[in-house]
C-alpha atoms as a PDB file:
ATOM      1  CA  UNK A   1      -8.511   0.528  18.724  1.00  0.00           C
ATOM      2  CA  UNK A   2      -7.265   0.175  15.507  1.00  0.00           C
ATOM      3  CA  UNK A   3      -9.101   3.524  12.825  1.00  0.00           C
ATOM      4  CA  UNK A   4      -9.480   1.281  10.245  1.00  0.00           C
ATOM      5  CA  UNK A   5     -10.773  -2.425  11.292  1.00  0.00           C
ATOM      6  CA  UNK A   6     -10.783  -3.940   7.506  1.00  0.00           C
ATOM      7  CA  UNK A   7      -9.852  -2.901   4.172  1.00  0.00           C
ATOM      8  CA  UNK A   8     -11.780  -4.905   1.156  1.00  0.00           C
ATOM      9  CA  UNK A   9     -10.206  -4.613  -2.298  1.00  0.00           C
ATOM     10  CA  UNK A  10     -10.671  -5.740  -5.272  1.00  0.00           C
ATOM     11  CA  UNK A  11      -8.191  -6.892  -8.032  1.00  0.00           C
ATOM     12  CA  UNK A  12      -7.817  -7.887 -12.045  1.00  0.00           C
ATOM     13  CA  UNK A  13      -5.856 -11.414 -10.916  1.00  0.00           C
ATOM     14  CA  UNK A  14      -5.401 -12.822  -7.235  1.00  0.00           C
ATOM     15  CA  UNK A  15      -2.373 -14.936  -7.357  1.00  0.00           C
ATOM     16  CA  UNK A  16      -0.642 -11.846  -9.428  1.00  0.00           C
ATOM     17  CA  UNK A  17      -2.250  -9.389  -5.543  1.00  0.00           C
ATOM     18  CA  UNK A  18      -1.698 -11.448  -3.566  1.00  0.00           C
ATOM     19  CA  UNK A  19       2.619 -11.792  -5.762  1.00  0.00           C
ATOM     20  CA  UNK A  20       2.531  -7.887  -4.887  1.00  0.00           C
ATOM     21  CA  UNK A  21       0.959  -7.712  -1.930  1.00  0.00           C
ATOM     22  CA  UNK A  22       2.645  -9.746  -0.372  1.00  0.00           C
ATOM     23  CA  UNK A  23       6.197  -8.729  -0.016  1.00  0.00           C
ATOM     24  CA  UNK A  24       5.045  -5.677   0.699  1.00  0.00           C
ATOM     25  CA  UNK A  25       2.515  -5.961   3.203  1.00  0.00           C
ATOM     26  CA  UNK A  26       4.941  -8.876   5.741  1.00  0.00           C
ATOM     27  CA  UNK A  27       7.650  -5.657   5.101  1.00  0.00           C
ATOM     28  CA  UNK A  28       4.589  -3.776   7.177  1.00  0.00           C
ATOM     29  CA  UNK A  29       3.865  -5.912  10.067  1.00  0.00           C
ATOM     30  CA  UNK A  30       1.663  -8.075   8.491  1.00  0.00           C
ATOM     31  CA  UNK A  31       0.694 -12.306   9.226  1.00  0.00           C
ATOM     32  CA  UNK A  32      -1.065 -13.655   5.438  1.00  0.00           C
ATOM     33  CA  UNK A  33      -4.558 -16.226   5.451  1.00  0.00           C
ATOM     34  CA  UNK A  34      -4.814 -17.244   2.562  1.00  0.00           C
ATOM     35  CA  UNK A  35      -8.899 -18.300   2.133  1.00  0.00           C
ATOM     36  CA  UNK A  36     -10.398 -19.639  -1.495  1.00  0.00           C
ATOM     37  CA  UNK A  37     -11.146 -16.501  -3.267  1.00  0.00           C
ATOM     38  CA  UNK A  38      -9.079 -14.115  -1.390  1.00  0.00           C
ATOM     39  CA  UNK A  39      -6.160 -13.529   1.084  1.00  0.00           C
ATOM     40  CA  UNK A  40      -6.046 -11.367   3.926  1.00  0.00           C
ATOM     41  CA  UNK A  41      -2.685  -9.770   5.551  1.00  0.00           C
ATOM     42  CA  UNK A  42      -3.515  -9.104   9.871  1.00  0.00           C
ATOM     43  CA  UNK A  43      -1.800  -6.955  12.524  1.00  0.00           C
ATOM     44  CA  UNK A  44      -2.369  -9.280  15.663  1.00  0.00           C
ATOM     45  CA  UNK A  45      -6.648  -9.299  15.919  1.00  0.00           C
ATOM     46  CA  UNK A  46      -6.250  -5.843  14.708  1.00  0.00           C
ATOM     47  CA  UNK A  47      -7.016  -4.218  10.901  1.00  0.00           C
ATOM     48  CA  UNK A  48      -6.693  -6.067   8.489  1.00  0.00           C
ATOM     49  CA  UNK A  49      -6.127  -5.679   4.263  1.00  0.00           C
ATOM     50  CA  UNK A  50      -7.984  -8.510   2.500  1.00  0.00           C
ATOM     51  CA  UNK A  51      -7.435  -9.037  -1.574  1.00  0.00           C
ATOM     52  CA  UNK A  52     -10.301 -10.148  -4.424  1.00  0.00           C
ATOM     53  CA  UNK A  53     -10.292 -11.951  -7.411  1.00  0.00           C
ATOM     54  CA  UNK A  54     -12.598  -9.072  -9.499  1.00  0.00           C
ATOM     55  CA  UNK A  55     -15.705 -11.034 -10.789  1.00  0.00           C
ATOM     56  CA  UNK A  56     -15.445 -12.097 -14.296  1.00  0.00           C
ATOM     57  CA  UNK A  57     -12.716 -12.609 -16.600  1.00  0.00           C
ATOM     58  CA  UNK A  58     -12.429  -9.332 -17.718  1.00  0.00           C
ATOM     59  CA  UNK A  59     -12.776  -7.173 -15.785  1.00  0.00           C
ATOM     60  CA  UNK A  60     -10.128  -3.442 -16.608  1.00  0.00           C
ATOM     61  CA  UNK A  61      -8.241  -2.454 -13.604  1.00  0.00           C
ATOM     62  CA  UNK A  62      -8.836   0.388 -11.396  1.00  0.00           C
ATOM     63  CA  UNK A  63      -7.898   3.878 -13.460  1.00  0.00           C
ATOM     64  CA  UNK A  64      -6.526   6.358 -10.704  1.00  0.00           C
ATOM     65  CA  UNK A  65      -8.413   9.700 -10.942  1.00  0.00           C
ATOM     66  CA  UNK A  66     -12.213   7.847 -11.029  1.00  0.00           C
ATOM     67  CA  UNK A  67     -14.743   7.540  -9.021  1.00  0.00           C
ATOM     68  CA  UNK A  68     -13.335   5.381  -6.232  1.00  0.00           C
ATOM     69  CA  UNK A  69     -10.198   4.208  -5.022  1.00  0.00           C
ATOM     70  CA  UNK A  70      -7.512   6.884  -5.160  1.00  0.00           C
ATOM     71  CA  UNK A  71      -4.921   5.579  -2.881  1.00  0.00           C
ATOM     72  CA  UNK A  72      -4.233   4.584   0.791  1.00  0.00           C
ATOM     73  CA  UNK A  73      -1.323   6.017   3.183  1.00  0.00           C
ATOM     74  CA  UNK A  74       1.399   3.876   5.834  1.00  0.00           C
ATOM     75  CA  UNK A  75       2.560   5.989   7.935  1.00  0.00           C
ATOM     76  CA  UNK A  76       6.055   4.520   9.093  1.00  0.00           C
ATOM     77  CA  UNK A  77       8.796   5.456  11.277  1.00  0.00           C
ATOM     78  CA  UNK A  78      11.540   7.303   9.136  1.00  0.00           C
ATOM     79  CA  UNK A  79      12.428   8.015   5.354  1.00  0.00           C
ATOM     80  CA  UNK A  80      14.669   4.645   5.139  1.00  0.00           C
ATOM     81  CA  UNK A  81      11.636   2.601   5.846  1.00  0.00           C
ATOM     82  CA  UNK A  82       9.509   4.574   2.872  1.00  0.00           C
ATOM     83  CA  UNK A  83      12.909   4.165   1.052  1.00  0.00           C
ATOM     84  CA  UNK A  84      13.032   0.119   2.206  1.00  0.00           C
ATOM     85  CA  UNK A  85       9.186  -0.728   1.440  1.00  0.00           C
ATOM     86  CA  UNK A  86       9.468   1.764  -1.680  1.00  0.00           C
ATOM     87  CA  UNK A  87      12.013  -0.862  -2.832  1.00  0.00           C
ATOM     88  CA  UNK A  88      10.344  -3.908  -1.180  1.00  0.00           C
ATOM     89  CA  UNK A  89       6.976  -3.332  -3.550  1.00  0.00           C
ATOM     90  CA  UNK A  90       9.795  -2.168  -6.936  1.00  0.00           C
ATOM     91  CA  UNK A  91      11.353  -6.424  -6.121  1.00  0.00           C
ATOM     92  CA  UNK A  92       7.681  -7.502  -6.445  1.00  0.00           C
ATOM     93  CA  UNK A  93       6.486  -5.916  -9.596  1.00  0.00           C
ATOM     94  CA  UNK A  94       5.144  -2.357  -8.591  1.00  0.00           C
ATOM     95  CA  UNK A  95       5.081   0.645 -11.449  1.00  0.00           C
ATOM     96  CA  UNK A  96       6.710   3.662  -9.127  1.00  0.00           C
ATOM     97  CA  UNK A  97       4.212   6.599  -9.765  1.00  0.00           C
ATOM     98  CA  UNK A  98       6.476   9.114  -8.286  1.00  0.00           C
ATOM     99  CA  UNK A  99      10.039   8.422  -6.253  1.00  0.00           C
ATOM    100  CA  UNK A 100      10.882   8.704  -2.398  1.00  0.00           C
ATOM    101  CA  UNK A 101      10.944  12.824  -1.848  1.00  0.00           C
ATOM    102  CA  UNK A 102      10.013  15.266  -0.217  1.00  0.00           C
ATOM    103  CA  UNK A 103       6.445  17.291  -1.144  1.00  0.00           C
ATOM    104  CA  UNK A 104       7.563  20.215   0.858  1.00  0.00           C
ATOM    105  CA  UNK A 105       3.004  21.773  -0.198  1.00  0.00           C
ATOM    106  CA  UNK A 106       2.184  19.544   2.458  1.00  0.00           C
ATOM    107  CA  UNK A 107       5.239  20.429   4.491  1.00  0.00           C
ATOM    108  CA  UNK A 108       9.383  20.774   4.592  1.00  0.00           C
ATOM    109  CA  UNK A 109       8.598  17.089   6.411  1.00  0.00           C
ATOM    110  CA  UNK A 110       6.966  15.133   4.709  1.00  0.00           C
ATOM    111  CA  UNK A 111       8.859  12.396   2.772  1.00  0.00           C
ATOM    112  CA  UNK A 112       6.481   9.515   0.590  1.00  0.00           C
ATOM    113  CA  UNK A 113       6.841   8.088  -2.310  1.00  0.00           C
ATOM    114  CA  UNK A 114       3.405   6.712  -4.361  1.00  0.00           C
ATOM    115  CA  UNK A 115       3.259   2.451  -6.530  1.00  0.00           C
ATOM    116  CA  UNK A 116       0.630   1.586  -8.232  1.00  0.00           C
ATOM    117  CA  UNK A 117      -0.056  -2.629  -8.878  1.00  0.00           C
ATOM    118  CA  UNK A 118      -1.215  -3.997 -11.990  1.00  0.00           C
ATOM    119  CA  UNK A 119      -4.538  -3.811 -10.832  1.00  0.00           C
ATOM    120  CA  UNK A 120      -3.935   0.100 -10.780  1.00  0.00           C
ATOM    121  CA  UNK A 121      -4.467  -0.125  -7.067  1.00  0.00           C
ATOM    122  CA  UNK A 122      -2.233   2.967  -5.717  1.00  0.00           C
ATOM    123  CA  UNK A 123      -0.676   2.866  -1.863  1.00  0.00           C
ATOM    124  CA  UNK A 124       2.109   5.368  -0.353  1.00  0.00           C
ATOM    125  CA  UNK A 125       4.714   5.067   2.014  1.00  0.00           C
ATOM    126  CA  UNK A 126       4.714   9.030   3.888  1.00  0.00           C
ATOM    127  CA  UNK A 127       6.767  10.301   6.676  1.00  0.00           C
ATOM    128  CA  UNK A 128       6.043  13.090   8.543  1.00  0.00           C
ATOM    129  CA  UNK A 129       7.551  13.602  11.776  1.00  0.00           C
ATOM    130  CA  UNK A 130       6.034  16.032  13.973  1.00  0.00           C
ATOM    131  CA  UNK A 131       7.058  19.173  13.839  1.00  0.00           C
ATOM    132  CA  UNK A 132       8.855  19.854  17.573  1.00  0.00           C
ATOM    133  CA  UNK A 133      10.148  15.732  16.527  1.00  0.00           C
ATOM    134  CA  UNK A 134      11.883  16.754  12.587  1.00  0.00           C
ATOM    135  CA  UNK A 135      15.482  16.700  13.393  1.00  0.00           C
ATOM    136  CA  UNK A 136      17.773  18.907  10.553  1.00  0.00           C
END
């Protein structure tokens, strides 16, 4: 059973949100479903990620560090996957907050990148294998 059933977030512009999230979520193995006023991606019948257009035409983007969304981390199988997903996000118009690198303050094995979309939504791609599984 997944820990997360679904996550819904609002973006400034739904069409631009689709353009930015679709390549990233598809690269993570999600399938896309469009609806009136939203787009959802899911993995089979499991976790679902949904974006909605913000209410009102003058909705400001989210500001990192303010109350609300901080970031969502996607755990992936390898450092190569972090690099690949980071590149997919860059090609889809995301902004690199932090390029892929090791974060020794978390562990010597923690390798991650952080990206942000036009609405200020931040996600992380991370690989942190268990100590006994880490290889040089």
